[in-house]
Protein backbone atom coordinates (compact mmCIF):
# COMPACT_ATOMS: atom_id res chain seq x y z
CA MET A 1 14.15 41.45 -50.17
CA ARG A 2 12.31 38.15 -50.00
CA LYS A 3 12.63 36.11 -53.19
CA PHE A 4 10.13 33.75 -54.75
CA LEU A 5 11.44 30.24 -54.24
CA PRO A 6 11.93 28.26 -57.45
CA THR A 7 9.50 25.49 -58.24
CA ILE A 8 10.07 22.87 -60.90
CA ILE A 9 7.11 22.38 -63.18
CA PHE A 10 6.87 19.86 -65.99
CA ILE A 11 4.32 19.52 -68.75
CA THR A 12 4.05 17.52 -71.94
CA LEU A 13 4.83 19.28 -75.17
CA SER A 14 1.36 18.50 -76.45
CA SER A 15 -0.42 20.22 -73.60
CA SER A 16 -2.82 23.05 -74.32
CA SER A 17 -2.05 26.74 -73.97
CA SER A 18 -2.13 28.67 -70.74
CA THR A 19 -5.03 28.30 -68.34
CA LEU A 20 -3.65 31.08 -66.16
CA MET A 21 -6.09 33.82 -65.30
CA ALA A 22 -5.74 37.30 -66.78
CA TRP A 23 -5.47 40.07 -64.19
CA GLY A 24 -6.54 37.80 -61.33
CA GLY A 25 -9.73 38.51 -59.44
CA ARG A 26 -8.89 42.04 -58.42
CA GLY A 27 -7.83 43.25 -61.84
CA HIS A 28 -10.92 41.88 -63.58
CA ALA A 29 -13.19 43.32 -60.91
CA ALA A 30 -11.50 46.72 -61.19
CA VAL A 31 -11.92 46.84 -64.97
CA CYS A 32 -15.63 46.14 -64.79
CA GLU A 33 -16.33 48.33 -61.79
CA ALA A 34 -14.55 51.26 -63.44
CA ALA A 35 -16.44 50.68 -66.71
CA VAL A 36 -19.71 51.21 -64.84
CA PHE A 37 -18.73 54.83 -64.21
CA LEU A 38 -17.48 55.38 -67.76
CA VAL A 39 -20.77 54.44 -69.45
CA LYS A 40 -22.30 57.45 -71.22
CA ASN A 41 -25.93 56.43 -71.72
CA PRO A 42 -27.70 58.05 -68.74
CA HIS A 43 -30.33 55.31 -68.38
CA LEU A 44 -27.89 52.42 -68.45
CA LYS A 45 -25.45 54.28 -66.21
CA GLU A 46 -28.12 55.02 -63.63
CA TYR A 47 -28.86 51.31 -63.36
CA LEU A 48 -25.25 50.10 -63.36
CA GLN A 49 -24.05 52.63 -60.77
CA ASN A 50 -26.18 50.79 -58.24
CA LYS A 51 -24.75 47.44 -59.36
CA PRO A 52 -20.93 47.74 -59.69
CA GLN A 53 -20.49 44.74 -57.39
CA ILE A 54 -22.63 42.60 -59.70
CA MET A 55 -20.67 43.58 -62.79
CA ALA A 56 -17.37 42.94 -60.99
CA HIS A 57 -18.64 39.49 -59.97
CA LEU A 58 -19.80 38.62 -63.48
CA CYS A 59 -16.48 39.67 -64.96
CA ASN A 60 -14.73 37.07 -62.81
CA ILE A 61 -17.08 34.16 -63.54
CA PRO A 62 -15.05 32.72 -66.49
CA ASP A 63 -11.99 32.51 -64.21
CA THR A 64 -13.80 31.31 -61.09
CA TYR A 65 -17.01 29.33 -61.39
CA TRP A 66 -16.43 28.21 -64.98
CA ARG A 67 -12.90 26.99 -64.19
CA GLY A 68 -14.41 24.31 -61.97
CA LEU A 69 -16.74 22.90 -64.63
CA PRO A 70 -16.32 19.43 -66.22
CA ALA A 71 -13.43 18.83 -68.63
CA GLU A 72 -15.56 18.92 -71.77
CA GLN A 73 -16.68 22.46 -70.97
CA ARG A 74 -13.19 23.54 -69.92
CA LYS A 75 -11.88 22.28 -73.24
CA LEU A 76 -14.26 24.64 -75.02
CA GLY A 77 -13.84 27.53 -72.64
CA ASP A 78 -10.12 27.72 -71.83
CA PRO A 79 -8.89 28.78 -75.32
CA THR A 80 -11.39 31.66 -75.34
CA HIS A 81 -9.16 33.70 -72.99
CA PHE A 82 -6.26 34.39 -75.37
CA LEU A 83 -5.23 35.06 -78.97
CA ASN A 84 -1.79 33.85 -80.06
CA ALA A 85 -1.48 34.95 -83.67
CA GLU A 86 2.14 33.78 -84.01
CA ASN A 87 1.00 30.20 -83.44
CA ILE A 88 -0.43 30.24 -86.96
CA GLY A 89 2.34 32.42 -88.37
CA LEU A 90 0.57 35.79 -88.39
CA LYS A 91 0.95 39.16 -86.73
CA ILE A 92 -1.97 40.48 -84.69
CA LYS A 93 -2.66 43.32 -87.13
CA ASP A 94 -2.91 40.81 -90.00
CA MET A 95 -5.38 38.47 -88.30
CA PRO A 96 -8.62 38.00 -90.28
CA THR A 97 -11.81 38.77 -88.37
CA ASP A 98 -13.80 35.85 -89.82
CA TYR A 99 -13.13 32.95 -87.46
CA ARG A 100 -14.58 30.32 -89.78
CA LEU A 101 -12.21 31.45 -92.52
CA ILE A 102 -9.27 31.11 -90.14
CA VAL A 103 -10.31 27.58 -89.16
CA GLU A 104 -10.80 26.54 -92.78
CA THR A 105 -7.49 28.07 -93.85
CA TYR A 106 -5.16 26.85 -91.09
CA THR A 107 -6.53 23.50 -89.93
CA GLY A 108 -4.10 20.81 -91.12
CA ARG A 109 -1.23 23.19 -91.87
CA PRO A 110 2.17 22.54 -90.26
CA SER A 111 2.12 23.65 -86.65
CA ILE A 112 4.55 26.35 -85.56
CA LYS A 113 3.88 25.56 -81.91
CA ASN A 114 4.38 21.79 -82.15
CA GLN A 115 7.16 20.75 -84.50
CA ASN A 116 6.60 17.79 -86.84
CA ALA A 117 2.85 18.07 -86.34
CA ALA A 118 -0.08 19.63 -88.12
CA ILE A 119 -2.57 22.04 -86.58
CA PHE A 120 -5.33 19.78 -85.32
CA SER A 121 -7.36 22.46 -83.52
CA VAL A 122 -7.04 26.11 -84.52
CA HIS A 123 -9.08 27.02 -81.46
CA ASP A 124 -6.58 25.38 -79.11
CA GLU A 125 -3.49 26.84 -80.76
CA LEU A 126 -4.79 30.28 -81.73
CA GLY A 127 -7.40 30.99 -79.07
CA SER A 128 -10.44 33.18 -79.71
CA VAL A 129 -10.78 35.94 -77.12
CA TRP A 130 -11.92 38.56 -79.67
CA TRP A 131 -14.81 36.43 -80.88
CA ARG A 132 -15.74 35.38 -77.35
CA ALA A 133 -16.24 39.02 -76.35
CA ASP A 134 -18.24 39.54 -79.55
CA GLN A 135 -20.42 36.53 -78.73
CA PHE A 136 -21.57 38.01 -75.42
CA TYR A 137 -22.01 41.38 -77.10
CA ARG A 138 -24.34 39.82 -79.66
CA ARG A 139 -26.18 37.88 -76.98
CA ALA A 140 -26.79 41.04 -74.93
CA ILE A 141 -28.17 42.84 -77.99
CA ALA A 142 -30.48 39.93 -78.78
CA ASP A 143 -31.76 39.85 -75.19
CA GLY A 144 -32.58 43.55 -75.33
CA GLN A 145 -34.23 43.36 -78.73
CA SER A 146 -36.41 40.49 -77.49
CA MET A 147 -37.83 42.82 -74.85
CA LYS A 148 -39.54 44.99 -77.44
CA GLY A 149 -43.28 44.89 -76.77
CA LEU A 150 -42.95 42.92 -73.52
CA ALA A 151 -45.15 44.08 -70.65
CA GLU A 152 -43.32 45.67 -67.75
CA PRO A 153 -43.92 44.33 -64.23
CA LYS A 154 -47.01 46.00 -62.76
CA ASP A 155 -46.68 45.02 -59.10
CA SER A 156 -44.16 43.71 -56.54
CA LYS A 157 -45.08 40.11 -57.28
CA GLU A 158 -44.26 40.44 -60.96
CA GLU A 159 -41.15 42.49 -60.17
CA GLN A 160 -39.63 39.58 -58.25
CA ASN A 161 -40.85 36.83 -60.58
CA GLU A 162 -37.71 35.45 -62.29
CA ASP A 163 -39.80 33.84 -65.03
CA PHE A 164 -41.66 37.02 -65.93
CA PRO A 165 -40.56 37.59 -69.58
CA PHE A 166 -39.43 41.20 -69.08
CA ASN A 167 -37.35 40.28 -66.01
CA LYS A 168 -35.88 37.18 -67.61
CA ASN A 169 -34.66 39.00 -70.71
CA PHE A 170 -33.26 42.01 -68.86
CA TYR A 171 -31.44 39.76 -66.40
CA GLN A 172 -29.81 37.88 -69.27
CA LEU A 173 -28.85 41.16 -70.96
CA ILE A 174 -26.96 42.28 -67.84
CA VAL A 175 -25.35 38.85 -67.37
CA ASN A 176 -24.06 38.87 -70.94
CA LEU A 177 -22.70 42.41 -70.59
CA GLY A 178 -20.82 41.35 -67.47
CA LEU A 179 -19.41 38.16 -68.98
CA MET A 180 -18.29 40.13 -72.03
CA GLY A 181 -16.24 42.29 -69.69
CA HIS A 182 -14.01 39.41 -68.73
CA PHE A 183 -12.82 38.83 -72.27
CA VAL A 184 -12.35 42.51 -73.07
CA ALA A 185 -10.03 42.65 -70.05
CA ASP A 186 -8.20 39.50 -71.22
CA ALA A 187 -7.31 41.22 -74.48
CA ALA A 188 -5.74 44.10 -72.55
CA GLN A 189 -3.35 41.76 -70.71
CA PRO A 190 -0.17 41.54 -72.84
CA PHE A 191 0.60 37.93 -71.96
CA HIS A 192 -2.73 36.87 -73.44
CA SER A 193 -1.53 37.89 -76.90
CA THR A 194 1.68 35.84 -77.08
CA SER A 195 2.53 32.16 -77.23
CA ASP A 196 5.25 32.84 -74.65
CA TYR A 197 2.44 33.48 -72.17
CA ASP A 198 4.53 32.72 -69.09
CA GLY A 199 7.92 34.04 -70.21
CA TYR A 200 9.92 30.80 -70.35
CA ALA A 201 11.22 31.45 -73.86
CA SER A 202 12.94 34.61 -72.62
CA GLY A 203 14.11 33.51 -69.17
CA HIS A 204 11.20 35.23 -67.42
CA GLY A 205 9.30 32.07 -66.48
CA GLY A 206 6.49 32.70 -64.00
CA ILE A 207 5.96 36.28 -65.18
CA HIS A 208 2.26 35.77 -65.97
CA ALA A 209 0.92 35.44 -62.43
CA TYR A 210 3.58 37.74 -60.98
CA TYR A 211 2.51 40.52 -63.34
CA GLU A 212 -1.26 40.20 -63.38
CA ASP A 213 -1.91 39.06 -59.83
CA THR A 214 1.02 39.57 -57.43
CA ALA A 215 1.90 43.06 -58.68
CA VAL A 216 -1.74 44.14 -58.95
CA SER A 217 -2.31 43.21 -55.31
CA PHE A 218 -0.04 46.08 -54.23
CA PHE A 219 -2.29 48.79 -55.66
CA ASP A 220 -3.93 50.84 -52.93
CA ALA A 221 -7.68 51.13 -52.39
CA ASP A 222 -7.91 53.88 -54.99
CA LEU A 223 -7.28 51.59 -57.98
CA VAL A 224 -10.77 51.98 -59.48
CA PRO A 225 -10.85 55.79 -59.07
CA ARG A 226 -7.41 55.97 -60.70
CA ILE A 227 -8.64 53.96 -63.69
CA ILE A 228 -11.72 56.17 -64.06
CA LYS A 229 -9.72 59.39 -63.84
CA LYS A 230 -7.16 58.17 -66.38
CA ALA A 231 -9.86 56.95 -68.77
CA LYS A 232 -11.69 60.27 -68.72
CA ALA A 233 -8.46 62.07 -69.59
CA MET A 234 -7.51 59.67 -72.39
CA LYS A 235 -7.90 60.79 -75.98
CA THR A 236 -10.17 58.60 -78.10
CA PRO A 237 -8.03 55.51 -78.82
CA ALA A 238 -7.98 53.40 -81.97
CA PHE A 239 -9.67 50.49 -80.19
CA VAL A 240 -13.01 52.31 -80.03
CA LYS A 241 -12.87 53.67 -83.59
CA GLN A 242 -13.18 50.45 -85.61
CA LYS A 243 -16.29 49.27 -87.44
CA THR A 244 -16.92 46.12 -85.40
CA LEU A 245 -16.26 44.85 -81.90
CA VAL A 246 -13.88 42.19 -83.24
CA GLU A 247 -11.85 44.88 -84.98
CA ASN A 248 -11.77 46.95 -81.79
CA MET A 249 -10.57 43.89 -79.87
CA ARG A 250 -7.85 43.34 -82.45
CA ALA A 251 -6.69 46.94 -82.03
CA LEU A 252 -6.64 46.49 -78.25
CA SER A 253 -4.62 43.26 -78.47
CA GLU A 254 -2.15 44.90 -80.83
CA ILE A 255 -1.42 47.83 -78.53
CA SER A 256 -1.30 45.57 -75.47
CA ASN A 257 1.15 43.23 -77.16
CA GLU A 258 3.49 46.16 -77.74
CA ASP A 259 3.91 46.46 -73.95
CA LEU A 260 5.66 43.10 -73.67
CA LYS A 261 9.17 44.44 -74.27
CA SER A 262 8.70 47.14 -71.65
CA ILE A 263 7.41 44.62 -69.12
CA LEU A 264 10.27 42.19 -69.56
CA LYS A 265 12.78 45.03 -69.43
CA VAL A 266 11.78 45.98 -65.86
CA ASP A 267 10.88 42.51 -64.56
CA PRO A 268 12.94 42.26 -61.30
CA VAL A 269 14.47 38.85 -62.06
CA THR A 270 17.40 37.82 -59.86
CA LYS A 271 17.84 34.41 -61.50
CA PRO A 272 16.47 33.53 -64.96
CA SER A 273 14.06 30.67 -65.45
CA GLU A 274 15.13 27.41 -67.05
CA LEU A 275 13.43 25.32 -69.70
CA LYS A 276 14.62 21.81 -70.51
CA ILE A 277 13.08 19.38 -72.93
CA GLU A 278 13.68 15.69 -72.33
CA LYS A 279 11.89 12.75 -73.93
CA GLY A 280 8.90 14.78 -75.04
CA MET A 281 8.53 16.47 -71.67
CA SER A 282 9.08 20.15 -70.85
CA PHE A 283 10.70 20.79 -67.46
CA ARG A 284 10.34 24.34 -66.20
CA THR A 285 12.03 26.10 -63.30
CA PRO A 286 10.50 29.56 -62.72
CA ALA A 287 12.67 32.65 -62.48
CA GLU A 288 13.53 34.00 -59.06
CA ARG A 289 12.36 37.56 -58.48
CA LYS A 290 12.40 40.32 -55.95
CA HIS A 291 9.40 40.81 -53.69
CA GLY A 292 6.11 41.64 -55.38
CA SER A 293 6.24 45.21 -54.08
CA VAL A 294 9.28 45.78 -56.30
CA GLY A 295 7.44 44.36 -59.29
CA PHE A 296 4.50 46.64 -58.53
CA LYS A 297 6.74 49.69 -58.48
CA ASN A 298 8.25 48.70 -61.83
CA PHE A 299 4.97 47.73 -63.49
CA GLU A 300 2.54 50.23 -61.95
CA LYS A 301 2.24 52.64 -64.88
CA LEU A 302 1.99 49.84 -67.44
CA ILE A 303 -0.67 47.94 -65.53
CA LEU A 304 -2.73 51.04 -64.85
CA GLU A 305 -2.62 51.93 -68.55
CA GLU A 306 -3.74 48.42 -69.58
CA LEU A 307 -6.57 48.26 -67.05
CA THR A 308 -7.71 51.68 -68.22
CA ARG A 309 -7.76 50.61 -71.86
CA ALA A 310 -9.92 47.62 -70.97
CA SER A 311 -12.38 49.70 -68.93
CA LEU A 312 -12.68 52.29 -71.66
CA LEU A 313 -13.39 49.74 -74.39
CA LEU A 314 -15.79 47.84 -72.14
CA ALA A 315 -17.85 50.94 -71.31
CA PHE A 316 -17.95 51.76 -75.02
CA CYS A 317 -19.20 48.23 -75.79
CA TRP A 318 -21.86 48.40 -73.09
CA ASP A 319 -23.15 51.67 -74.50
CA GLU A 320 -23.18 50.31 -78.04
CA ALA A 321 -24.88 47.07 -77.03
CA TYR A 322 -27.58 48.90 -75.07
CA LYS A 323 -28.22 51.25 -77.98
CA SER A 324 -28.40 48.37 -80.48
CA ALA A 325 -30.72 46.51 -78.12
CA GLY A 326 -33.25 49.33 -78.41
CA GLU A 327 -32.53 50.89 -75.02
CA PRO A 328 -34.97 48.76 -72.99
CA PRO A 329 -36.51 50.58 -69.99
CA VAL A 330 -34.09 49.79 -67.15
CA LYS A 331 -36.16 51.54 -64.47
CA ALA A 332 -38.84 48.88 -64.84
CA TYR A 333 -36.44 46.13 -63.75
CA LYS A 334 -36.51 45.86 -59.95
CA SER A 335 -35.69 42.19 -59.36
CA TYR A 336 -33.23 41.28 -56.58
CA ARG A 337 -31.98 38.27 -58.51
CA TYR A 338 -28.19 37.88 -58.25
CA PRO A 339 -26.13 36.00 -60.88
CA HIS A 340 -24.17 33.76 -58.51
CA THR A 341 -23.44 30.96 -60.99
CA PRO A 342 -24.33 31.83 -64.59
CA GLU A 343 -24.65 28.85 -66.89
CA PHE A 344 -21.64 28.14 -69.09
CA VAL A 345 -22.09 29.37 -72.65
CA PRO A 346 -20.28 27.32 -75.33
CA PRO A 347 -18.57 29.32 -78.10
CA ASP A 348 -20.97 29.66 -81.04
CA TYR A 349 -18.37 30.58 -83.67
CA LEU A 350 -16.36 27.35 -83.90
CA GLY A 351 -18.60 25.52 -86.34
CA THR A 352 -20.66 26.36 -89.39
CA GLY A 353 -22.81 28.75 -87.42
CA VAL A 354 -20.00 31.30 -87.08
CA VAL A 355 -20.95 34.91 -87.54
CA LYS A 356 -18.87 36.58 -90.23
CA LYS A 357 -17.36 39.96 -89.51
């Protein structure tokens, strides 16, 4: 079997948490495409079933287009992809759901991640994926509610007018639903709920990309149908039974985090990774592993289960958001507008304007 050649990577100890992508492009697309066919509201489903490619595209935007934005936007956006509760000394199940309270409580406390230092930015050390998904959920609801009383397009000219109020609001509703999908999927990826996001603390360095991208690439063309079939057979899980979206996200992260031991147990490592710290620098040599096809065989059931969880929760959130938005008339929206490069949305829960849950 061909092995992955070792590469030495070094970073400073003060660097930020992982900027690796969760699930890679294919995994994120599969989650969102499958969710389209798991939606229960007949009106929303009828619209989305003709747009699975759009939802798959939107669900990749935070890892594609937004990753190439200026540093000041990346600094705000990168920590929204994960939630590392142990970095502030908590277990996932014990995490508060009020982000402002967390910031007020833990800012300035001794850092577990960086010894001999205080927590300067809770957002950087903890992450905020649950609240990021909730932000786009709230935005989608607001877009739909703003459509109440708006005139529907009455002719082809108005149907294709991007500035026509009805079109503009419905377009933004769909964009926000799609962007939300990315962060729901992030919470289903086990390595996005641990500070050891790339496995170096356990000798599994390089596991993140190998698991979410390399192994996923070996699924056959029936990945989305397999997710849909598995989701329809799944009993109602805890992560769609909570009172709020943030609580559902917490339940999803908790169950996903429990998969870590199983993943590491079957990781086909032939030579453990190395981690050396010298003069404030961290030198990393990734683990050597068997070919990705071996990893796929070992991880297949786990990955399929995690992708299914994400799709199931996402479809549930889409249904709930559409219902809360007042179920705007989707048949009236006939614009061909495609969301190639949606504008970056800064987190709205980091300051005093945080929404309490």
